[in-house]
Amino acid sequence: MIDALRKRFPKLTTPPKDDICYATQNRQDAVKALVNEGIDLLLVVGSQNSSNSLRLCEVAQALGVEAHLIDRAAEIDEACFTRRIK
């Protein structure tokens, strides 16, 4: 697809491959800030096939915080909370 576009528009420029949109970066920064504030559990509501949602979980997990990706509230495992109350 890119090759076809470049043939039609020779001056086409594309963002660097490591470029992510501001909203995505802001969300990842927010997860890091929450971890710095001391959270020990992160629930990300989003689609299982969303790379952005998956990345939010990965960011938290890389910082040592348990994180789960859920599609809807019905998927919340209450055991995640009861383990923390003890």
PDB file of N, CA and C in Angstrom:
ATOM      1  N   MET A   1       0.820  -1.178   0.000  1.00  0.00           N
ATOM      2  CA  MET A   1       0.000   0.000   0.000  1.00  0.00           C
ATOM      3  C   MET A   1       0.874   1.257   0.000  1.00  0.00           C
ATOM      4  N   ILE A   2       1.886   1.253   0.844  1.00  0.00           N
ATOM      5  CA  ILE A   2       2.781   2.410   0.920  1.00  0.00           C
ATOM      6  C   ILE A   2       3.490   2.617  -0.417  1.00  0.00           C
ATOM      7  N   ASP A   3       3.917   1.513  -1.041  1.00  0.00           N
ATOM      8  CA  ASP A   3       4.602   1.637  -2.333  1.00  0.00           C
ATOM      9  C   ASP A   3       3.683   2.271  -3.374  1.00  0.00           C
ATOM     10  N   ALA A   4       2.415   1.880  -3.389  1.00  0.00           N
ATOM     11  CA  ALA A   4       1.455   2.448  -4.336  1.00  0.00           C
ATOM     12  C   ALA A   4       1.261   3.941  -4.070  1.00  0.00           C
ATOM     13  N   LEU A   5       1.185   4.307  -2.805  1.00  0.00           N
ATOM     14  CA  LEU A   5       1.042   5.717  -2.461  1.00  0.00           C
ATOM     15  C   LEU A   5       2.281   6.524  -2.867  1.00  0.00           C
ATOM     16  N   ARG A   6       3.456   5.941  -2.658  1.00  0.00           N
ATOM     17  CA  ARG A   6       4.688   6.651  -3.007  1.00  0.00           C
ATOM     18  C   ARG A   6       4.793   6.868  -4.527  1.00  0.00           C
ATOM     19  N   LYS A   7       4.304   5.895  -5.314  1.00  0.00           N
ATOM     20  CA  LYS A   7       4.309   6.069  -6.769  1.00  0.00           C
ATOM     21  C   LYS A   7       3.407   7.223  -7.176  1.00  0.00           C
ATOM     22  N   ARG A   8       2.264   7.301  -6.538  1.00  0.00           N
ATOM     23  CA  ARG A   8       1.311   8.359  -6.886  1.00  0.00           C
ATOM     24  C   ARG A   8       1.711   9.707  -6.295  1.00  0.00           C
ATOM     25  N   PHE A   9       2.285   9.672  -5.097  1.00  0.00           N
ATOM     26  CA  PHE A   9       2.679  10.901  -4.391  1.00  0.00           C
ATOM     27  C   PHE A   9       4.154  10.792  -4.003  1.00  0.00           C
ATOM     28  N   PRO A  10       5.050  11.118  -4.925  1.00  0.00           N
ATOM     29  CA  PRO A  10       6.487  10.930  -4.672  1.00  0.00           C
ATOM     30  C   PRO A  10       7.027  11.701  -3.470  1.00  0.00           C
ATOM     31  N   LYS A  11       6.396  12.775  -3.081  1.00  0.00           N
ATOM     32  CA  LYS A  11       6.876  13.569  -1.944  1.00  0.00           C
ATOM     33  C   LYS A  11       6.238  13.148  -0.620  1.00  0.00           C
ATOM     34  N   LEU A  12       5.564  12.027  -0.637  1.00  0.00           N
ATOM     35  CA  LEU A  12       4.894  11.522   0.567  1.00  0.00           C
ATOM     36  C   LEU A  12       5.910  11.313   1.687  1.00  0.00           C
ATOM     37  N   THR A  13       5.563  11.794   2.864  1.00  0.00           N
ATOM     38  CA  THR A  13       6.389  11.535   4.047  1.00  0.00           C
ATOM     39  C   THR A  13       5.537  10.788   5.058  1.00  0.00           C
ATOM     40  N   THR A  14       6.176   9.966   5.824  1.00  0.00           N
ATOM     41  CA  THR A  14       5.465   9.174   6.831  1.00  0.00           C
ATOM     42  C   THR A  14       6.117   9.409   8.190  1.00  0.00           C
ATOM     43  N   PRO A  15       5.347   9.210   9.254  1.00  0.00           N
ATOM     44  CA  PRO A  15       5.944   9.372  10.587  1.00  0.00           C
ATOM     45  C   PRO A  15       6.932   8.247  10.865  1.00  0.00           C
ATOM     46  N   PRO A  16       7.863   8.488  11.767  1.00  0.00           N
ATOM     47  CA  PRO A  16       8.789   7.414  12.145  1.00  0.00           C
ATOM     48  C   PRO A  16       8.013   6.238  12.725  1.00  0.00           C
ATOM     49  N   LYS A  17       8.574   5.058  12.585  1.00  0.00           N
ATOM     50  CA  LYS A  17       7.875   3.852  13.063  1.00  0.00           C
ATOM     51  C   LYS A  17       7.664   3.860  14.566  1.00  0.00           C
ATOM     52  N   ASP A  18       8.534   4.545  15.301  1.00  0.00           N
ATOM     53  CA  ASP A  18       8.390   4.560  16.755  1.00  0.00           C
ATOM     54  C   ASP A  18       7.484   5.696  17.232  1.00  0.00           C
ATOM     55  N   ASP A  19       6.871   6.404  16.301  1.00  0.00           N
ATOM     56  CA  ASP A  19       5.996   7.527  16.637  1.00  0.00           C
ATOM     57  C   ASP A  19       4.626   7.006  17.079  1.00  0.00           C
ATOM     58  N   ILE A  20       4.144   7.452  18.221  1.00  0.00           N
ATOM     59  CA  ILE A  20       2.790   7.106  18.636  1.00  0.00           C
ATOM     60  C   ILE A  20       2.027   8.395  18.874  1.00  0.00           C
ATOM     61  N   CYS A  21       0.728   8.305  18.766  1.00  0.00           N
ATOM     62  CA  CYS A  21      -0.070   9.522  18.895  1.00  0.00           C
ATOM     63  C   CYS A  21       0.004  10.066  20.328  1.00  0.00           C
ATOM     64  N   TYR A  22      -0.302  11.349  20.447  1.00  0.00           N
ATOM     65  CA  TYR A  22      -0.228  12.001  21.751  1.00  0.00           C
ATOM     66  C   TYR A  22      -1.169  11.360  22.765  1.00  0.00           C
ATOM     67  N   ALA A  23      -2.372  10.998  22.335  1.00  0.00           N
ATOM     68  CA  ALA A  23      -3.333  10.401  23.272  1.00  0.00           C
ATOM     69  C   ALA A  23      -2.795   9.093  23.832  1.00  0.00           C
ATOM     70  N   THR A  24      -2.184   8.283  22.981  1.00  0.00           N
ATOM     71  CA  THR A  24      -1.618   7.013  23.432  1.00  0.00           C
ATOM     72  C   THR A  24      -0.476   7.268  24.406  1.00  0.00           C
ATOM     73  N   GLN A  25       0.392   8.195  24.057  1.00  0.00           N
ATOM     74  CA  GLN A  25       1.519   8.514  24.949  1.00  0.00           C
ATOM     75  C   GLN A  25       1.018   9.070  26.280  1.00  0.00           C
ATOM     76  N   ASN A  26      -0.002   9.912  26.234  1.00  0.00           N
ATOM     77  CA  ASN A  26      -0.561  10.476  27.466  1.00  0.00           C
ATOM     78  C   ASN A  26      -1.119   9.385  28.367  1.00  0.00           C
ATOM     79  N   ARG A  27      -1.782   8.401  27.783  1.00  0.00           N
ATOM     80  CA  ARG A  27      -2.330   7.301  28.594  1.00  0.00           C
ATOM     81  C   ARG A  27      -1.213   6.475  29.225  1.00  0.00           C
ATOM     82  N   GLN A  28      -0.166   6.215  28.463  1.00  0.00           N
ATOM     83  CA  GLN A  28       0.958   5.464  29.022  1.00  0.00           C
ATOM     84  C   GLN A  28       1.639   6.252  30.134  1.00  0.00           C
ATOM     85  N   ASP A  29       1.766   7.549  29.942  1.00  0.00           N
ATOM     86  CA  ASP A  29       2.341   8.398  30.990  1.00  0.00           C
ATOM     87  C   ASP A  29       1.450   8.410  32.228  1.00  0.00           C
ATOM     88  N   ALA A  30       0.130   8.383  32.028  1.00  0.00           N
ATOM     89  CA  ALA A  30      -0.807   8.359  33.157  1.00  0.00           C
ATOM     90  C   ALA A  30      -0.663   7.064  33.949  1.00  0.00           C
ATOM     91  N   VAL A  31      -0.466   5.947  33.262  1.00  0.00           N
ATOM     92  CA  VAL A  31      -0.256   4.675  33.959  1.00  0.00           C
ATOM     93  C   VAL A  31       1.016   4.760  34.800  1.00  0.00           C
ATOM     94  N   LYS A  32       2.072   5.307  34.232  1.00  0.00           N
ATOM     95  CA  LYS A  32       3.327   5.447  34.985  1.00  0.00           C
ATOM     96  C   LYS A  32       3.134   6.334  36.207  1.00  0.00           C
ATOM     97  N   ALA A  33       2.364   7.397  36.060  1.00  0.00           N
ATOM     98  CA  ALA A  33       2.101   8.295  37.196  1.00  0.00           C
ATOM     99  C   ALA A  33       1.301   7.573  38.273  1.00  0.00           C
ATOM    100  N   LEU A  34       0.317   6.785  37.875  1.00  0.00           N
ATOM    101  CA  LEU A  34      -0.472   6.029  38.851  1.00  0.00           C
ATOM    102  C   LEU A  34       0.405   5.039  39.612  1.00  0.00           C
ATOM    103  N   VAL A  35       1.300   4.379  38.891  1.00  0.00           N
ATOM    104  CA  VAL A  35       2.222   3.443  39.544  1.00  0.00           C
ATOM    105  C   VAL A  35       3.098   4.203  40.539  1.00  0.00           C
ATOM    106  N   ASN A  36       3.566   5.368  40.160  1.00  0.00           N
ATOM    107  CA  ASN A  36       4.397   6.177  41.070  1.00  0.00           C
ATOM    108  C   ASN A  36       3.622   6.615  42.303  1.00  0.00           C
ATOM    109  N   GLU A  37       2.305   6.720  42.183  1.00  0.00           N
ATOM    110  CA  GLU A  37       1.468   7.082  43.337  1.00  0.00           C
ATOM    111  C   GLU A  37       1.184   5.887  44.236  1.00  0.00           C
ATOM    112  N   GLY A  38       1.552   4.682  43.791  1.00  0.00           N
ATOM    113  CA  GLY A  38       1.451   3.526  44.658  1.00  0.00           C
ATOM    114  C   GLY A  38       0.345   2.537  44.360  1.00  0.00           C
ATOM    115  N   ILE A  39      -0.279   2.596  43.190  1.00  0.00           N
ATOM    116  CA  ILE A  39      -1.313   1.599  42.908  1.00  0.00           C
ATOM    117  C   ILE A  39      -0.681   0.219  42.854  1.00  0.00           C
ATOM    118  N   ASP A  40      -1.468  -0.799  43.165  1.00  0.00           N
ATOM    119  CA  ASP A  40      -0.959  -2.159  43.055  1.00  0.00           C
ATOM    120  C   ASP A  40      -1.819  -3.017  42.135  1.00  0.00           C
ATOM    121  N   LEU A  41      -2.807  -2.406  41.494  1.00  0.00           N
ATOM    122  CA  LEU A  41      -3.667  -3.111  40.549  1.00  0.00           C
ATOM    123  C   LEU A  41      -4.182  -2.118  39.522  1.00  0.00           C
ATOM    124  N   LEU A  42      -4.126  -2.500  38.251  1.00  0.00           N
ATOM    125  CA  LEU A  42      -4.660  -1.672  37.176  1.00  0.00           C
ATOM    126  C   LEU A  42      -5.603  -2.505  36.331  1.00  0.00           C
ATOM    127  N   LEU A  43      -6.829  -2.014  36.167  1.00  0.00           N
ATOM    128  CA  LEU A  43      -7.788  -2.647  35.261  1.00  0.00           C
ATOM    129  C   LEU A  43      -7.935  -1.734  34.052  1.00  0.00           C
ATOM    130  N   VAL A  44      -7.628  -2.262  32.891  1.00  0.00           N
ATOM    131  CA  VAL A  44      -7.751  -1.510  31.645  1.00  0.00           C
ATOM    132  C   VAL A  44      -9.003  -2.016  30.935  1.00  0.00           C
ATOM    133  N   VAL A  45      -9.930  -1.115  30.687  1.00  0.00           N
ATOM    134  CA  VAL A  45     -11.145  -1.487  29.965  1.00  0.00           C
ATOM    135  C   VAL A  45     -10.893  -1.203  28.493  1.00  0.00           C
ATOM    136  N   GLY A  46     -10.868  -2.260  27.704  1.00  0.00           N
ATOM    137  CA  GLY A  46     -10.602  -2.131  26.280  1.00  0.00           C
ATOM    138  C   GLY A  46     -10.670  -3.480  25.605  1.00  0.00           C
ATOM    139  N   SER A  47     -10.565  -3.461  24.318  1.00  0.00           N
ATOM    140  CA  SER A  47     -10.658  -4.677  23.525  1.00  0.00           C
ATOM    141  C   SER A  47      -9.377  -5.500  23.619  1.00  0.00           C
ATOM    142  N   GLN A  48      -9.529  -6.808  23.618  1.00  0.00           N
ATOM    143  CA  GLN A  48      -8.378  -7.712  23.667  1.00  0.00           C
ATOM    144  C   GLN A  48      -7.502  -7.572  22.418  1.00  0.00           C
ATOM    145  N   ASN A  49      -8.070  -7.074  21.332  1.00  0.00           N
ATOM    146  CA  ASN A  49      -7.270  -6.930  20.112  1.00  0.00           C
ATOM    147  C   ASN A  49      -6.779  -5.493  19.906  1.00  0.00           C
ATOM    148  N   SER A  50      -6.867  -4.671  20.951  1.00  0.00           N
ATOM    149  CA  SER A  50      -6.372  -3.294  20.884  1.00  0.00           C
ATOM    150  C   SER A  50      -4.922  -3.248  21.346  1.00  0.00           C
ATOM    151  N   SER A  51      -4.027  -2.895  20.444  1.00  0.00           N
ATOM    152  CA  SER A  51      -2.617  -2.824  20.834  1.00  0.00           C
ATOM    153  C   SER A  51      -2.391  -1.744  21.883  1.00  0.00           C
ATOM    154  N   ASN A  52      -3.168  -0.669  21.835  1.00  0.00           N
ATOM    155  CA  ASN A  52      -3.021   0.391  22.841  1.00  0.00           C
ATOM    156  C   ASN A  52      -3.427  -0.099  24.222  1.00  0.00           C
ATOM    157  N   SER A  53      -4.536  -0.814  24.312  1.00  0.00           N
ATOM    158  CA  SER A  53      -4.985  -1.342  25.604  1.00  0.00           C
ATOM    159  C   SER A  53      -3.999  -2.364  26.143  1.00  0.00           C
ATOM    160  N   LEU A  54      -3.524  -3.240  25.271  1.00  0.00           N
ATOM    161  CA  LEU A  54      -2.530  -4.232  25.691  1.00  0.00           C
ATOM    162  C   LEU A  54      -1.268  -3.550  26.204  1.00  0.00           C
ATOM    163  N   ARG A  55      -0.865  -2.494  25.533  1.00  0.00           N
ATOM    164  CA  ARG A  55       0.355  -1.778  25.921  1.00  0.00           C
ATOM    165  C   ARG A  55       0.213  -1.139  27.299  1.00  0.00           C
ATOM    166  N   LEU A  56      -0.979  -0.641  27.624  1.00  0.00           N
ATOM    167  CA  LEU A  56      -1.188  -0.069  28.958  1.00  0.00           C
ATOM    168  C   LEU A  56      -0.949  -1.128  30.032  1.00  0.00           C
ATOM    169  N   CYS A  57      -1.447  -2.328  29.794  1.00  0.00           N
ATOM    170  CA  CYS A  57      -1.202  -3.421  30.749  1.00  0.00           C
ATOM    171  C   CYS A  57       0.289  -3.736  30.832  1.00  0.00           C
ATOM    172  N   GLU A  58       0.935  -3.783  29.675  1.00  0.00           N
ATOM    173  CA  GLU A  58       2.371  -4.091  29.651  1.00  0.00           C
ATOM    174  C   GLU A  58       3.189  -3.045  30.401  1.00  0.00           C
ATOM    175  N   VAL A  59       2.828  -1.788  30.257  1.00  0.00           N
ATOM    176  CA  VAL A  59       3.545  -0.720  30.961  1.00  0.00           C
ATOM    177  C   VAL A  59       3.436  -0.934  32.465  1.00  0.00           C
ATOM    178  N   ALA A  60       2.233  -1.185  32.948  1.00  0.00           N
ATOM    179  CA  ALA A  60       2.027  -1.400  34.381  1.00  0.00           C
ATOM    180  C   ALA A  60       2.784  -2.632  34.862  1.00  0.00           C
ATOM    181  N   GLN A  61       2.673  -3.720  34.113  1.00  0.00           N
ATOM    182  CA  GLN A  61       3.327  -4.970  34.510  1.00  0.00           C
ATOM    183  C   GLN A  61       4.845  -4.821  34.528  1.00  0.00           C
ATOM    184  N   ALA A  62       5.387  -4.078  33.576  1.00  0.00           N
ATOM    185  CA  ALA A  62       6.843  -3.857  33.539  1.00  0.00           C
ATOM    186  C   ALA A  62       7.318  -3.090  34.762  1.00  0.00           C
ATOM    187  N   LEU A  63       6.399  -2.334  35.359  1.00  0.00           N
ATOM    188  CA  LEU A  63       6.736  -1.568  36.568  1.00  0.00           C
ATOM    189  C   LEU A  63       6.346  -2.309  37.842  1.00  0.00           C
ATOM    190  N   GLY A  64       5.979  -3.583  37.699  1.00  0.00           N
ATOM    191  CA  GLY A  64       5.690  -4.422  38.853  1.00  0.00           C
ATOM    192  C   GLY A  64       4.269  -4.362  39.376  1.00  0.00           C
ATOM    193  N   VAL A  65       3.340  -3.838  38.580  1.00  0.00           N
ATOM    194  CA  VAL A  65       1.953  -3.719  39.017  1.00  0.00           C
ATOM    195  C   VAL A  65       1.096  -4.751  38.285  1.00  0.00           C
ATOM    196  N   GLU A  66       0.265  -5.455  39.027  1.00  0.00           N
ATOM    197  CA  GLU A  66      -0.672  -6.392  38.418  1.00  0.00           C
ATOM    198  C   GLU A  66      -1.641  -5.612  37.531  1.00  0.00           C
ATOM    199  N   ALA A  67      -1.839  -6.083  36.308  1.00  0.00           N
ATOM    200  CA  ALA A  67      -2.721  -5.393  35.370  1.00  0.00           C
ATOM    201  C   ALA A  67      -3.537  -6.411  34.582  1.00  0.00           C
ATOM    202  N   HIS A  68      -4.800  -6.063  34.339  1.00  0.00           N
ATOM    203  CA  HIS A  68      -5.702  -6.937  33.594  1.00  0.00           C
ATOM    204  C   HIS A  68      -6.447  -6.125  32.544  1.00  0.00           C
ATOM    205  N   LEU A  69      -6.591  -6.704  31.365  1.00  0.00           N
ATOM    206  CA  LEU A  69      -7.360  -6.095  30.293  1.00  0.00           C
ATOM    207  C   LEU A  69      -8.735  -6.750  30.267  1.00  0.00           C
ATOM    208  N   ILE A  70      -9.772  -5.939  30.399  1.00  0.00           N
ATOM    209  CA  ILE A  70     -11.138  -6.461  30.405  1.00  0.00           C
ATOM    210  C   ILE A  70     -11.969  -5.706  29.375  1.00  0.00           C
ATOM    211  N   ASP A  71     -12.966  -6.396  28.844  1.00  0.00           N
ATOM    212  CA  ASP A  71     -13.870  -5.774  27.865  1.00  0.00           C
ATOM    213  C   ASP A  71     -15.032  -5.058  28.534  1.00  0.00           C
ATOM    214  N   ARG A  72     -15.434  -5.559  29.682  1.00  0.00           N
ATOM    215  CA  ARG A  72     -16.615  -4.985  30.362  1.00  0.00           C
ATOM    216  C   ARG A  72     -16.542  -5.284  31.858  1.00  0.00           C
ATOM    217  N   ALA A  73     -17.333  -4.568  32.618  1.00  0.00           N
ATOM    218  CA  ALA A  73     -17.314  -4.694  34.084  1.00  0.00           C
ATOM    219  C   ALA A  73     -17.619  -6.113  34.547  1.00  0.00           C
ATOM    220  N   ALA A  74     -18.425  -6.831  33.810  1.00  0.00           N
ATOM    221  CA  ALA A  74     -18.778  -8.198  34.208  1.00  0.00           C
ATOM    222  C   ALA A  74     -17.557  -9.117  34.265  1.00  0.00           C
ATOM    223  N   GLU A  75     -16.486  -8.730  33.625  1.00  0.00           N
ATOM    224  CA  GLU A  75     -15.274  -9.551  33.613  1.00  0.00           C
ATOM    225  C   GLU A  75     -14.356  -9.294  34.807  1.00  0.00           C
ATOM    226  N   ILE A  76     -14.714  -8.359  35.661  1.00  0.00           N
ATOM    227  CA  ILE A  76     -13.860  -8.058  36.804  1.00  0.00           C
ATOM    228  C   ILE A  76     -13.883  -9.228  37.777  1.00  0.00           C
ATOM    229  N   ASP A  77     -12.721  -9.721  38.114  1.00  0.00           N
ATOM    230  CA  ASP A  77     -12.581 -10.800  39.083  1.00  0.00           C
ATOM    231  C   ASP A  77     -12.475 -10.168  40.471  1.00  0.00           C
ATOM    232  N   GLU A  78     -13.512 -10.313  41.268  1.00  0.00           N
ATOM    233  CA  GLU A  78     -13.528  -9.678  42.590  1.00  0.00           C
ATOM    234  C   GLU A  78     -12.415 -10.185  43.498  1.00  0.00           C
ATOM    235  N   ALA A  79     -11.866 -11.331  43.184  1.00  0.00           N
ATOM    236  CA  ALA A  79     -10.760 -11.864  43.981  1.00  0.00           C
ATOM    237  C   ALA A  79      -9.553 -10.932  43.932  1.00  0.00           C
ATOM    238  N   CYS A  80      -9.425 -10.173  42.855  1.00  0.00           N
ATOM    239  CA  CYS A  80      -8.329  -9.196  42.760  1.00  0.00           C
ATOM    240  C   CYS A  80      -8.403  -8.189  43.895  1.00  0.00           C
ATOM    241  N   PHE A  81      -9.612  -7.861  44.307  1.00  0.00           N
ATOM    242  CA  PHE A  81      -9.797  -6.859  45.370  1.00  0.00           C
ATOM    243  C   PHE A  81      -9.721  -7.476  46.753  1.00  0.00           C
ATOM    244  N   THR A  82     -10.293  -8.654  46.937  1.00  0.00           N
ATOM    245  CA  THR A  82     -10.302  -9.275  48.260  1.00  0.00           C
ATOM    246  C   THR A  82      -8.902  -9.652  48.699  1.00  0.00           C
ATOM    247  N   ARG A  83      -8.024  -9.972  47.773  1.00  0.00           N
ATOM    248  CA  ARG A  83      -6.631 -10.289  48.129  1.00  0.00           C
ATOM    249  C   ARG A  83      -5.954  -9.072  48.728  1.00  0.00           C
ATOM    250  N   ARG A  84      -6.386  -7.889  48.354  1.00  0.00           N
ATOM    251  CA  ARG A  84      -5.743  -6.656  48.819  1.00  0.00           C
ATOM    252  C   ARG A  84      -6.293  -6.150  50.147  1.00  0.00           C
ATOM    253  N   ILE A  85      -7.463  -6.615  50.511  1.00  0.00           N
ATOM    254  CA  ILE A  85      -8.123  -6.138  51.730  1.00  0.00           C
ATOM    255  C   ILE A  85      -7.532  -6.773  52.978  1.00  0.00           C
ATOM    256  N   LYS A  86      -6.999  -7.960  52.849  1.00  0.00           N
ATOM    257  CA  LYS A  86      -6.487  -8.709  53.999  1.00  0.00           C
ATOM    258  C   LYS A  86      -5.511  -7.939  54.821  1.00  0.00           C
TER     259      LYS A  86
END
